[in-house]
């Protein structure tokens, strides 16, 4: 579900991005952004886009300090920043009133609108189903299976033990299976 990036291309892109090259940063962005948005849509549906933007601002500010040489470590770092941005947002939302605005998406890139809507609807349906899980299970399932983080990176991102991540992932997948089966049974034939 997530884009693949070879270690060599990653290292070259990271070095280029650190040197201020827009193309290098674009490679990193395209690698991490889809999983980042899916993760944020599960934990903060209404603020996912804003939090993603705030996350990338923080990534740009801290890019020079990032040292790992593997794409998965970069994705885990981005997810960790996103989680911290979300936690900060949760604290701030308790102190300020919320203003809600609706925007209509626009397709200007020439893609088939019907196909794009079908893909968006199936992705949104899957994310909505995951969002029905208890919060800790939803976060673990999203990081493990949508953001494609391993158990250790997920545990580090969430501040949990690897065993707890495995248990939450197992319980989350079992509960998703039940939710999906219940949904299928309740649909008219």
N, C-alpha and C. Protein backbone atom coordinates (compact mmCIF):
# COMPACT_ATOMS: atom_id res chain seq x y z
N UNK A 1 0.82 -1.19 0.00
CA UNK A 1 0.00 0.00 0.00
C UNK A 1 0.87 1.26 0.00
N UNK A 2 2.13 1.14 0.41
CA UNK A 2 2.98 2.31 0.47
C UNK A 2 4.03 2.24 -0.63
N UNK A 3 4.52 3.39 -1.03
CA UNK A 3 5.52 3.48 -2.10
C UNK A 3 6.84 2.87 -1.64
N UNK A 4 7.53 2.22 -2.57
CA UNK A 4 8.82 1.63 -2.26
C UNK A 4 9.92 2.60 -2.69
N UNK A 5 10.99 2.61 -1.94
CA UNK A 5 12.11 3.48 -2.22
C UNK A 5 13.37 2.71 -1.86
N UNK A 6 14.26 2.54 -2.83
CA UNK A 6 15.49 1.78 -2.55
C UNK A 6 16.38 2.59 -1.60
N UNK A 7 17.20 1.89 -0.81
CA UNK A 7 18.11 2.60 0.10
C UNK A 7 19.03 3.58 -0.64
N UNK A 8 19.47 3.21 -1.85
CA UNK A 8 20.37 4.09 -2.60
C UNK A 8 19.66 5.38 -3.01
N UNK A 9 18.47 5.25 -3.56
CA UNK A 9 17.72 6.44 -3.98
C UNK A 9 17.37 7.27 -2.75
N UNK A 10 17.03 6.60 -1.66
CA UNK A 10 16.71 7.32 -0.43
C UNK A 10 17.90 8.15 0.03
N UNK A 11 19.08 7.53 0.13
CA UNK A 11 20.27 8.25 0.60
C UNK A 11 20.59 9.44 -0.29
N UNK A 12 20.51 9.23 -1.62
CA UNK A 12 20.78 10.33 -2.55
C UNK A 12 19.75 11.44 -2.40
N UNK A 13 18.48 11.07 -2.26
CA UNK A 13 17.41 12.06 -2.13
C UNK A 13 17.53 12.81 -0.81
N UNK A 14 17.87 12.10 0.25
CA UNK A 14 18.03 12.73 1.55
C UNK A 14 19.18 13.74 1.52
N UNK A 15 20.30 13.32 0.95
CA UNK A 15 21.45 14.23 0.85
C UNK A 15 21.09 15.46 0.02
N UNK A 16 20.38 15.24 -1.07
CA UNK A 16 19.97 16.36 -1.93
C UNK A 16 19.01 17.28 -1.18
N UNK A 17 18.05 16.70 -0.48
CA UNK A 17 17.08 17.51 0.27
C UNK A 17 17.78 18.32 1.36
N UNK A 18 18.73 17.71 2.03
CA UNK A 18 19.49 18.44 3.06
C UNK A 18 20.27 19.60 2.47
N UNK A 19 20.67 19.46 1.19
CA UNK A 19 21.41 20.52 0.51
C UNK A 19 20.47 21.57 -0.10
N UNK A 20 19.16 21.36 0.10
CA UNK A 20 18.20 22.35 -0.39
C UNK A 20 17.62 22.04 -1.75
N UNK A 21 17.89 20.85 -2.27
CA UNK A 21 17.38 20.47 -3.59
C UNK A 21 15.90 20.06 -3.51
N UNK A 22 15.08 20.74 -4.27
CA UNK A 22 13.63 20.49 -4.24
C UNK A 22 13.28 19.09 -4.76
N UNK A 23 14.00 18.61 -5.76
CA UNK A 23 13.72 17.28 -6.31
C UNK A 23 13.98 16.20 -5.28
N UNK A 24 15.05 16.32 -4.53
CA UNK A 24 15.34 15.34 -3.47
C UNK A 24 14.25 15.33 -2.42
N UNK A 25 13.80 16.52 -2.03
CA UNK A 25 12.73 16.60 -1.04
C UNK A 25 11.43 16.02 -1.60
N UNK A 26 11.16 16.24 -2.87
CA UNK A 26 9.94 15.72 -3.49
C UNK A 26 9.91 14.20 -3.44
N UNK A 27 11.05 13.56 -3.64
CA UNK A 27 11.12 12.10 -3.56
C UNK A 27 10.75 11.64 -2.14
N UNK A 28 11.31 12.31 -1.14
CA UNK A 28 11.01 11.95 0.25
C UNK A 28 9.53 12.19 0.57
N UNK A 29 9.02 13.31 0.10
CA UNK A 29 7.62 13.67 0.33
C UNK A 29 6.69 12.62 -0.29
N UNK A 30 6.94 12.27 -1.53
CA UNK A 30 6.08 11.29 -2.22
C UNK A 30 6.16 9.91 -1.57
N UNK A 31 7.28 9.61 -0.97
CA UNK A 31 7.43 8.33 -0.28
C UNK A 31 6.60 8.29 1.01
N UNK A 32 6.61 9.36 1.77
CA UNK A 32 5.98 9.34 3.10
C UNK A 32 4.57 9.91 3.15
N UNK A 33 4.22 10.82 2.27
CA UNK A 33 2.95 11.55 2.37
C UNK A 33 1.70 10.67 2.34
N UNK A 34 1.57 9.70 1.42
CA UNK A 34 0.32 8.91 1.42
C UNK A 34 0.07 8.20 2.76
N UNK A 35 1.09 7.58 3.31
CA UNK A 35 0.93 6.89 4.59
C UNK A 35 0.67 7.89 5.71
N UNK A 36 1.33 9.04 5.65
CA UNK A 36 1.13 10.07 6.67
C UNK A 36 -0.33 10.53 6.68
N UNK A 37 -0.88 10.81 5.52
CA UNK A 37 -2.28 11.26 5.47
C UNK A 37 -3.24 10.18 5.95
N UNK A 38 -2.98 8.94 5.59
CA UNK A 38 -3.86 7.86 6.05
C UNK A 38 -3.81 7.74 7.56
N UNK A 39 -2.63 7.82 8.13
CA UNK A 39 -2.47 7.76 9.58
C UNK A 39 -3.23 8.90 10.24
N UNK A 40 -3.03 10.11 9.75
CA UNK A 40 -3.68 11.27 10.36
C UNK A 40 -5.19 11.24 10.17
N UNK A 41 -5.67 10.67 9.08
CA UNK A 41 -7.12 10.57 8.89
C UNK A 41 -7.76 9.62 9.89
N UNK A 42 -7.01 8.66 10.36
CA UNK A 42 -7.53 7.75 11.38
C UNK A 42 -7.55 8.42 12.75
N UNK A 43 -6.48 9.11 13.11
CA UNK A 43 -6.42 9.67 14.47
C UNK A 43 -7.05 11.05 14.56
N UNK A 44 -7.16 11.78 13.43
CA UNK A 44 -7.73 13.12 13.46
C UNK A 44 -8.36 13.46 12.12
N UNK A 45 -9.46 12.81 11.83
CA UNK A 45 -10.11 12.92 10.53
C UNK A 45 -10.26 14.36 10.04
N UNK A 46 -10.76 15.24 10.88
CA UNK A 46 -11.07 16.60 10.46
C UNK A 46 -9.85 17.51 10.31
N UNK A 47 -8.72 17.13 10.86
CA UNK A 47 -7.52 17.98 10.81
C UNK A 47 -6.34 17.33 10.10
N UNK A 48 -6.58 16.24 9.40
CA UNK A 48 -5.48 15.48 8.80
C UNK A 48 -4.61 16.32 7.87
N UNK A 49 -5.21 17.07 6.98
CA UNK A 49 -4.44 17.87 6.02
C UNK A 49 -3.61 18.94 6.74
N UNK A 50 -4.22 19.63 7.69
CA UNK A 50 -3.49 20.66 8.43
C UNK A 50 -2.34 20.07 9.22
N UNK A 51 -2.59 18.95 9.88
CA UNK A 51 -1.53 18.31 10.67
C UNK A 51 -0.42 17.79 9.77
N UNK A 52 -0.78 17.31 8.59
CA UNK A 52 0.26 16.85 7.65
C UNK A 52 1.15 18.03 7.25
N UNK A 53 0.54 19.17 6.98
CA UNK A 53 1.33 20.35 6.64
C UNK A 53 2.25 20.76 7.78
N UNK A 54 1.72 20.76 8.99
CA UNK A 54 2.54 21.10 10.16
C UNK A 54 3.67 20.09 10.34
N UNK A 55 3.37 18.83 10.06
CA UNK A 55 4.39 17.78 10.16
C UNK A 55 5.53 18.06 9.19
N UNK A 56 5.20 18.40 7.94
CA UNK A 56 6.24 18.64 6.94
C UNK A 56 7.05 19.88 7.26
N UNK A 57 6.44 20.87 7.86
CA UNK A 57 7.21 22.05 8.30
C UNK A 57 8.26 21.60 9.32
N UNK A 58 7.84 20.75 10.26
CA UNK A 58 8.77 20.24 11.28
C UNK A 58 9.83 19.34 10.64
N UNK A 59 9.45 18.55 9.65
CA UNK A 59 10.43 17.70 8.96
C UNK A 59 11.50 18.56 8.30
N UNK A 60 11.06 19.61 7.60
CA UNK A 60 12.02 20.49 6.93
C UNK A 60 12.97 21.11 7.96
N UNK A 61 12.42 21.56 9.07
CA UNK A 61 13.26 22.18 10.11
C UNK A 61 14.27 21.21 10.70
N UNK A 62 13.89 19.94 10.81
CA UNK A 62 14.76 18.97 11.45
C UNK A 62 15.51 18.06 10.50
N UNK A 63 15.38 18.28 9.21
CA UNK A 63 15.98 17.37 8.23
C UNK A 63 17.48 17.23 8.40
N UNK A 64 18.16 18.31 8.74
CA UNK A 64 19.61 18.23 8.92
C UNK A 64 20.01 17.33 10.07
N UNK A 65 19.12 17.14 11.04
CA UNK A 65 19.46 16.30 12.20
C UNK A 65 19.13 14.83 11.96
N UNK A 66 18.37 14.52 10.92
CA UNK A 66 18.00 13.13 10.66
C UNK A 66 19.20 12.37 10.12
N UNK A 67 19.53 11.21 10.73
CA UNK A 67 20.76 10.51 10.40
C UNK A 67 20.60 9.12 9.80
N UNK A 68 19.45 8.47 9.93
CA UNK A 68 19.32 7.09 9.46
C UNK A 68 19.49 7.01 7.95
N UNK A 69 19.84 5.82 7.47
CA UNK A 69 20.08 5.64 6.04
C UNK A 69 19.05 4.75 5.37
N UNK A 70 17.95 4.45 6.03
CA UNK A 70 16.95 3.56 5.45
C UNK A 70 15.61 4.28 5.33
N UNK A 71 14.91 4.02 4.23
CA UNK A 71 13.62 4.68 4.01
C UNK A 71 12.62 4.46 5.14
N UNK A 72 12.58 3.25 5.70
CA UNK A 72 11.61 2.96 6.75
C UNK A 72 11.88 3.79 8.00
N UNK A 73 13.15 4.05 8.28
CA UNK A 73 13.49 4.88 9.43
C UNK A 73 12.99 6.31 9.21
N UNK A 74 13.08 6.79 7.98
CA UNK A 74 12.57 8.12 7.66
C UNK A 74 11.06 8.16 7.84
N UNK A 75 10.37 7.16 7.33
CA UNK A 75 8.91 7.12 7.48
C UNK A 75 8.53 7.08 8.95
N UNK A 76 9.23 6.29 9.74
CA UNK A 76 8.95 6.22 11.18
C UNK A 76 9.18 7.57 11.84
N UNK A 77 10.23 8.28 11.44
CA UNK A 77 10.52 9.61 11.98
C UNK A 77 9.40 10.58 11.64
N UNK A 78 8.93 10.55 10.40
CA UNK A 78 7.84 11.43 9.97
C UNK A 78 6.57 11.11 10.78
N UNK A 79 6.26 9.83 10.97
CA UNK A 79 5.07 9.44 11.73
C UNK A 79 5.18 9.89 13.19
N UNK A 80 6.38 9.80 13.73
CA UNK A 80 6.59 10.25 15.11
C UNK A 80 6.35 11.75 15.24
N UNK A 81 6.85 12.51 14.27
CA UNK A 81 6.61 13.95 14.27
C UNK A 81 5.11 14.22 14.14
N UNK A 82 4.44 13.50 13.27
CA UNK A 82 3.00 13.68 13.08
C UNK A 82 2.24 13.40 14.38
N UNK A 83 2.63 12.36 15.07
CA UNK A 83 1.94 12.04 16.32
C UNK A 83 2.14 13.16 17.35
N UNK A 84 3.33 13.69 17.42
CA UNK A 84 3.59 14.80 18.35
C UNK A 84 2.79 16.05 17.95
N UNK A 85 2.71 16.31 16.64
CA UNK A 85 1.90 17.45 16.17
C UNK A 85 0.43 17.22 16.57
N UNK A 86 -0.06 15.99 16.42
CA UNK A 86 -1.44 15.66 16.78
C UNK A 86 -1.67 15.84 18.29
N UNK A 87 -0.73 15.35 19.09
CA UNK A 87 -0.87 15.51 20.54
C UNK A 87 -0.87 16.98 20.93
N UNK A 88 0.02 17.77 20.32
CA UNK A 88 0.02 19.22 20.57
C UNK A 88 -1.31 19.84 20.16
N UNK A 89 -1.83 19.40 19.02
CA UNK A 89 -3.11 19.92 18.53
C UNK A 89 -4.24 19.57 19.49
N UNK A 90 -4.22 18.36 20.03
CA UNK A 90 -5.26 17.96 20.98
C UNK A 90 -5.24 18.85 22.21
N UNK A 91 -4.05 19.14 22.70
CA UNK A 91 -3.93 20.02 23.86
C UNK A 91 -4.42 21.43 23.52
N UNK A 92 -4.03 21.93 22.37
CA UNK A 92 -4.42 23.30 21.96
C UNK A 92 -5.91 23.39 21.69
N UNK A 93 -6.51 22.36 21.14
CA UNK A 93 -7.95 22.38 20.83
C UNK A 93 -8.78 22.51 22.10
N UNK A 94 -8.25 22.03 23.19
CA UNK A 94 -8.96 22.16 24.45
C UNK A 94 -8.97 23.60 24.95
N UNK A 95 -8.09 24.43 24.39
CA UNK A 95 -7.97 25.82 24.83
C UNK A 95 -8.56 26.83 23.86
N UNK A 96 -9.01 26.39 22.66
CA UNK A 96 -9.54 27.35 21.69
C UNK A 96 -10.80 26.80 21.01
N UNK A 97 -11.68 27.70 20.58
CA UNK A 97 -12.88 27.25 19.87
C UNK A 97 -12.50 26.73 18.48
N UNK A 98 -13.32 25.84 17.94
CA UNK A 98 -13.05 25.25 16.65
C UNK A 98 -13.89 25.89 15.56
N UNK A 99 -13.26 26.22 14.43
CA UNK A 99 -13.95 26.75 13.26
C UNK A 99 -13.86 25.69 12.18
N UNK A 100 -15.00 25.32 11.61
CA UNK A 100 -15.05 24.26 10.61
C UNK A 100 -15.38 24.86 9.25
N UNK A 101 -14.59 24.49 8.22
CA UNK A 101 -14.87 24.94 6.86
C UNK A 101 -14.85 23.73 5.94
N UNK A 102 -15.75 23.70 4.98
CA UNK A 102 -15.81 22.62 4.01
C UNK A 102 -15.19 23.09 2.70
N UNK A 103 -14.35 22.27 2.10
CA UNK A 103 -13.77 22.59 0.81
C UNK A 103 -14.11 21.48 -0.17
N UNK A 104 -14.32 21.83 -1.41
CA UNK A 104 -14.59 20.86 -2.46
C UNK A 104 -13.27 20.51 -3.14
N UNK A 105 -12.98 19.22 -3.29
CA UNK A 105 -11.74 18.84 -3.97
C UNK A 105 -11.84 19.14 -5.47
N UNK A 106 -10.70 19.51 -6.07
CA UNK A 106 -10.67 19.79 -7.50
C UNK A 106 -9.69 18.84 -8.16
N UNK A 107 -10.03 18.36 -9.36
CA UNK A 107 -9.17 17.48 -10.14
C UNK A 107 -8.69 18.27 -11.35
N UNK A 108 -7.44 18.65 -11.37
CA UNK A 108 -6.89 19.40 -12.49
C UNK A 108 -5.73 18.67 -13.15
N UNK A 109 -5.47 17.44 -12.70
CA UNK A 109 -4.30 16.74 -13.23
C UNK A 109 -4.63 15.79 -14.38
N UNK A 110 -5.87 15.82 -14.88
CA UNK A 110 -6.24 15.01 -16.03
C UNK A 110 -6.57 13.57 -15.71
N UNK A 111 -6.59 13.16 -14.44
CA UNK A 111 -6.93 11.79 -14.11
C UNK A 111 -8.42 11.56 -14.27
N UNK A 112 -8.79 10.32 -14.45
CA UNK A 112 -10.19 9.95 -14.59
C UNK A 112 -10.90 10.18 -13.26
N UNK A 113 -11.86 11.06 -13.26
CA UNK A 113 -12.54 11.44 -12.03
C UNK A 113 -13.27 10.25 -11.41
N UNK A 114 -13.95 9.44 -12.24
CA UNK A 114 -14.69 8.28 -11.71
C UNK A 114 -13.75 7.31 -11.00
N UNK A 115 -12.59 7.04 -11.59
CA UNK A 115 -11.62 6.14 -10.96
C UNK A 115 -11.08 6.74 -9.68
N UNK A 116 -10.80 8.03 -9.72
CA UNK A 116 -10.28 8.70 -8.53
C UNK A 116 -11.30 8.66 -7.40
N UNK A 117 -12.57 8.86 -7.72
CA UNK A 117 -13.63 8.82 -6.70
C UNK A 117 -13.77 7.41 -6.14
N UNK A 118 -13.75 6.39 -7.01
CA UNK A 118 -13.84 5.00 -6.54
C UNK A 118 -12.70 4.67 -5.58
N UNK A 119 -11.48 5.06 -5.96
CA UNK A 119 -10.33 4.79 -5.09
C UNK A 119 -10.45 5.54 -3.78
N UNK A 120 -10.86 6.80 -3.86
CA UNK A 120 -11.00 7.62 -2.66
C UNK A 120 -12.07 7.03 -1.74
N UNK A 121 -13.19 6.59 -2.30
CA UNK A 121 -14.27 6.05 -1.49
C UNK A 121 -13.86 4.75 -0.82
N UNK A 122 -13.14 3.88 -1.53
CA UNK A 122 -12.73 2.62 -0.91
C UNK A 122 -11.68 2.89 0.17
N UNK A 123 -10.77 3.83 -0.08
CA UNK A 123 -9.78 4.18 0.93
C UNK A 123 -10.46 4.82 2.14
N UNK A 124 -11.38 5.73 1.89
CA UNK A 124 -12.09 6.39 2.99
C UNK A 124 -12.91 5.37 3.79
N UNK A 125 -13.52 4.42 3.11
CA UNK A 125 -14.30 3.39 3.81
C UNK A 125 -13.39 2.55 4.71
N UNK A 126 -12.22 2.18 4.20
CA UNK A 126 -11.29 1.40 5.00
C UNK A 126 -10.79 2.20 6.20
N UNK A 127 -10.46 3.46 5.98
CA UNK A 127 -9.99 4.30 7.08
C UNK A 127 -11.10 4.54 8.10
N UNK A 128 -12.34 4.70 7.61
CA UNK A 128 -13.47 4.89 8.53
C UNK A 128 -13.67 3.64 9.39
N UNK A 129 -13.48 2.47 8.80
CA UNK A 129 -13.62 1.23 9.56
C UNK A 129 -12.52 1.14 10.62
N UNK A 130 -11.29 1.48 10.25
CA UNK A 130 -10.19 1.46 11.21
C UNK A 130 -10.44 2.47 12.32
N UNK A 131 -10.99 3.62 11.96
CA UNK A 131 -11.26 4.67 12.95
C UNK A 131 -12.30 4.24 13.98
N UNK A 132 -13.07 3.20 13.69
CA UNK A 132 -14.06 2.68 14.65
C UNK A 132 -13.42 1.82 15.73
N UNK A 133 -12.17 1.47 15.56
CA UNK A 133 -11.45 0.69 16.58
C UNK A 133 -11.17 1.59 17.78
N UNK A 134 -10.91 0.98 18.94
CA UNK A 134 -10.41 1.79 20.06
C UNK A 134 -9.16 2.54 19.60
N UNK A 135 -8.95 3.73 20.12
CA UNK A 135 -7.89 4.62 19.63
C UNK A 135 -6.51 3.97 19.58
N UNK A 136 -6.14 3.23 20.62
CA UNK A 136 -4.80 2.64 20.63
C UNK A 136 -4.67 1.56 19.56
N UNK A 137 -5.73 0.77 19.35
CA UNK A 137 -5.70 -0.25 18.30
C UNK A 137 -5.67 0.40 16.91
N UNK A 138 -6.45 1.45 16.71
CA UNK A 138 -6.49 2.14 15.42
C UNK A 138 -5.12 2.71 15.07
N UNK A 139 -4.46 3.31 16.05
CA UNK A 139 -3.12 3.87 15.80
C UNK A 139 -2.13 2.78 15.42
N UNK A 140 -2.14 1.68 16.16
CA UNK A 140 -1.19 0.60 15.88
C UNK A 140 -1.47 -0.01 14.51
N UNK A 141 -2.73 -0.30 14.21
CA UNK A 141 -3.07 -0.90 12.91
C UNK A 141 -2.66 0.04 11.78
N UNK A 142 -2.91 1.31 11.93
CA UNK A 142 -2.56 2.28 10.88
C UNK A 142 -1.05 2.36 10.69
N UNK A 143 -0.31 2.46 11.77
CA UNK A 143 1.14 2.56 11.65
C UNK A 143 1.75 1.27 11.11
N UNK A 144 1.26 0.14 11.58
CA UNK A 144 1.82 -1.15 11.15
C UNK A 144 1.47 -1.50 9.71
N UNK A 145 0.20 -1.35 9.33
CA UNK A 145 -0.25 -1.90 8.06
C UNK A 145 -0.53 -0.86 6.98
N UNK A 146 -0.68 0.39 7.34
CA UNK A 146 -0.86 1.42 6.32
C UNK A 146 0.44 2.20 6.14
N UNK A 147 1.05 2.61 7.24
CA UNK A 147 2.33 3.32 7.15
C UNK A 147 3.49 2.35 6.99
N UNK A 148 3.23 1.05 7.16
CA UNK A 148 4.22 0.00 6.94
C UNK A 148 5.43 0.10 7.86
N UNK A 149 5.19 0.50 9.11
CA UNK A 149 6.27 0.52 10.09
C UNK A 149 6.38 -0.86 10.73
N UNK A 150 7.59 -1.25 11.09
CA UNK A 150 7.74 -2.52 11.79
C UNK A 150 7.34 -2.35 13.26
N UNK A 151 7.35 -3.45 13.99
CA UNK A 151 6.91 -3.42 15.39
C UNK A 151 7.76 -2.47 16.22
N UNK A 152 9.08 -2.52 16.04
CA UNK A 152 9.98 -1.67 16.83
C UNK A 152 9.73 -0.19 16.55
N UNK A 153 9.58 0.19 15.29
CA UNK A 153 9.35 1.60 14.95
C UNK A 153 7.99 2.06 15.46
N UNK A 154 6.98 1.19 15.36
CA UNK A 154 5.65 1.52 15.87
C UNK A 154 5.71 1.72 17.38
N UNK A 155 6.39 0.81 18.07
CA UNK A 155 6.51 0.91 19.52
C UNK A 155 7.21 2.20 19.92
N UNK A 156 8.28 2.54 19.22
CA UNK A 156 9.02 3.77 19.53
C UNK A 156 8.15 5.00 19.27
N UNK A 157 7.43 5.01 18.15
CA UNK A 157 6.57 6.14 17.80
C UNK A 157 5.50 6.37 18.86
N UNK A 158 4.93 5.28 19.37
CA UNK A 158 3.82 5.38 20.32
C UNK A 158 4.27 5.37 21.78
N UNK A 159 5.55 5.13 22.02
CA UNK A 159 6.03 5.07 23.40
C UNK A 159 5.52 3.83 24.13
N UNK A 160 5.41 2.72 23.41
CA UNK A 160 4.91 1.46 23.98
C UNK A 160 5.97 0.38 23.82
N UNK A 161 5.79 -0.69 24.54
CA UNK A 161 6.67 -1.85 24.41
C UNK A 161 6.29 -2.63 23.13
N UNK A 162 7.26 -3.28 22.48
CA UNK A 162 6.94 -4.06 21.28
C UNK A 162 5.87 -5.13 21.51
N UNK A 163 5.88 -5.76 22.67
CA UNK A 163 4.86 -6.77 22.97
C UNK A 163 3.46 -6.16 23.01
N UNK A 164 3.35 -4.97 23.57
CA UNK A 164 2.06 -4.28 23.62
C UNK A 164 1.59 -3.94 22.21
N UNK A 165 2.52 -3.55 21.33
CA UNK A 165 2.16 -3.24 19.94
C UNK A 165 1.65 -4.48 19.25
N UNK A 166 2.32 -5.61 19.46
CA UNK A 166 1.86 -6.86 18.83
C UNK A 166 0.45 -7.23 19.30
N UNK A 167 0.20 -7.10 20.59
CA UNK A 167 -1.12 -7.42 21.15
C UNK A 167 -2.18 -6.48 20.58
N UNK A 168 -1.89 -5.18 20.56
CA UNK A 168 -2.85 -4.21 20.02
C UNK A 168 -3.11 -4.44 18.54
N UNK A 169 -2.08 -4.79 17.79
CA UNK A 169 -2.26 -5.08 16.36
C UNK A 169 -3.14 -6.31 16.19
N UNK A 170 -2.88 -7.35 16.95
CA UNK A 170 -3.67 -8.57 16.86
C UNK A 170 -5.13 -8.29 17.21
N UNK A 171 -5.35 -7.61 18.32
CA UNK A 171 -6.72 -7.29 18.74
C UNK A 171 -7.41 -6.39 17.72
N UNK A 172 -6.67 -5.42 17.20
CA UNK A 172 -7.24 -4.51 16.21
C UNK A 172 -7.64 -5.24 14.94
N UNK A 173 -6.80 -6.14 14.46
CA UNK A 173 -7.13 -6.89 13.25
C UNK A 173 -8.32 -7.82 13.48
N UNK A 174 -8.37 -8.44 14.65
CA UNK A 174 -9.51 -9.30 14.96
C UNK A 174 -10.80 -8.49 15.02
N UNK A 175 -10.73 -7.32 15.64
CA UNK A 175 -11.92 -6.47 15.73
C UNK A 175 -12.32 -5.94 14.35
N UNK A 176 -11.35 -5.61 13.52
CA UNK A 176 -11.65 -5.18 12.14
C UNK A 176 -12.37 -6.28 11.38
N UNK A 177 -11.90 -7.50 11.57
CA UNK A 177 -12.53 -8.64 10.91
C UNK A 177 -14.00 -8.75 11.33
N UNK A 178 -14.25 -8.59 12.62
CA UNK A 178 -15.63 -8.65 13.12
C UNK A 178 -16.46 -7.50 12.56
N UNK A 179 -15.91 -6.29 12.58
CA UNK A 179 -16.63 -5.13 12.04
C UNK A 179 -16.96 -5.32 10.56
N UNK A 180 -16.01 -5.83 9.81
CA UNK A 180 -16.22 -6.06 8.38
C UNK A 180 -17.28 -7.13 8.15
N UNK A 181 -17.19 -8.22 8.91
CA UNK A 181 -18.20 -9.29 8.78
C UNK A 181 -19.59 -8.78 9.16
N UNK A 182 -19.68 -7.99 10.22
CA UNK A 182 -20.97 -7.41 10.62
C UNK A 182 -21.51 -6.51 9.53
N UNK A 183 -20.65 -5.74 8.93
CA UNK A 183 -21.07 -4.83 7.85
C UNK A 183 -21.58 -5.61 6.64
N UNK A 184 -20.86 -6.67 6.29
CA UNK A 184 -21.27 -7.49 5.13
C UNK A 184 -22.62 -8.14 5.40
N UNK A 185 -22.81 -8.67 6.61
CA UNK A 185 -24.08 -9.31 6.96
C UNK A 185 -25.24 -8.33 6.97
N UNK A 186 -24.97 -7.07 7.30
CA UNK A 186 -26.07 -6.09 7.41
C UNK A 186 -26.42 -5.44 6.08
N UNK A 187 -25.59 -5.63 5.04
CA UNK A 187 -25.89 -5.03 3.74
C UNK A 187 -27.02 -5.80 3.06
N UNK A 188 -27.93 -5.07 2.39
CA UNK A 188 -29.01 -5.74 1.68
C UNK A 188 -28.46 -6.56 0.52
N UNK A 189 -29.12 -7.67 0.26
CA UNK A 189 -28.66 -8.54 -0.83
C UNK A 189 -29.43 -8.32 -2.08
